[in-house]
Amino acid sequence: MRYLPLFWVIVTIIALGFNLLGLMKLVPLLLSMPLLFISIYFTIFSFTHRRSFKGLR
């Protein structure tokens, strides 16, 4: 769980490179844009979710 944000940052960098290939029309943009969106979403989610308040126990 500790390395999950780092994993998603690496996936986002890879998806960004894949999106650049899509902008050069080497791969379909229909495939690269959702991958970039999903990776950015999970990167932000992984950084904010671990600091959420879970209640007093």
Protein backbone atom coordinates (compact mmCIF):
# COMPACT_ATOMS: atom_id res chain seq x y z
CA MET A 1 0.00 0.00 0.00
CA ARG A 2 2.96 2.30 0.61
CA TYR A 3 4.28 2.08 -2.94
CA LEU A 4 0.90 2.40 -4.65
CA PRO A 5 1.22 6.15 -5.41
CA LEU A 6 4.66 5.58 -6.93
CA PHE A 7 3.24 2.82 -9.10
CA TRP A 8 0.50 5.11 -10.42
CA VAL A 9 2.98 7.91 -11.13
CA ILE A 10 5.02 5.50 -13.25
CA VAL A 11 1.85 4.30 -15.02
CA THR A 12 0.91 7.94 -15.71
CA ILE A 13 4.32 8.66 -17.26
CA ILE A 14 3.98 5.58 -19.47
CA ALA A 15 0.43 6.60 -20.45
CA LEU A 16 1.69 10.09 -21.29
CA GLY A 17 4.27 8.61 -23.64
CA PHE A 18 1.58 6.39 -25.14
CA ASN A 19 -0.61 9.46 -25.61
CA LEU A 20 2.22 11.23 -27.43
CA LEU A 21 2.33 8.26 -29.79
CA GLY A 22 -1.40 8.70 -30.23
CA LEU A 23 -0.96 12.37 -31.10
CA MET A 24 1.55 11.34 -33.77
CA LYS A 25 -1.14 8.95 -35.07
CA LEU A 26 0.96 5.84 -34.41
CA VAL A 27 -1.69 4.40 -32.06
CA PRO A 28 -5.39 5.29 -31.93
CA LEU A 29 -6.29 8.26 -29.75
CA LEU A 30 -9.47 6.41 -28.80
CA LEU A 31 -7.24 3.98 -26.92
CA SER A 32 -4.58 6.32 -25.52
CA MET A 33 -6.79 9.10 -24.13
CA PRO A 34 -8.87 6.91 -21.77
CA LEU A 35 -5.69 5.23 -20.51
CA LEU A 36 -4.17 8.61 -19.70
CA PHE A 37 -7.36 9.78 -17.96
CA ILE A 38 -7.65 6.61 -15.88
CA SER A 39 -3.99 6.72 -14.85
CA ILE A 40 -4.21 10.39 -13.81
CA TYR A 41 -7.41 9.67 -11.89
CA PHE A 42 -5.90 6.77 -9.94
CA THR A 43 -2.70 8.74 -9.29
CA ILE A 44 -4.65 11.58 -7.68
CA PHE A 45 -6.88 9.09 -5.85
CA SER A 46 -3.91 7.20 -4.41
CA PHE A 47 -2.29 10.38 -3.10
CA THR A 48 -5.47 11.71 -1.46
CA HIS A 49 -7.05 8.47 -0.19
CA ARG A 50 -4.32 7.48 2.24
CA ARG A 51 -4.69 10.72 4.18
CA SER A 52 -8.43 10.35 4.72
CA PHE A 53 -9.87 10.25 8.23
CA LYS A 54 -11.11 6.77 9.13
CA GLY A 55 -12.67 7.59 12.50
CA LEU A 56 -11.69 7.12 16.11
CA ARG A 57 -11.11 3.57 17.35
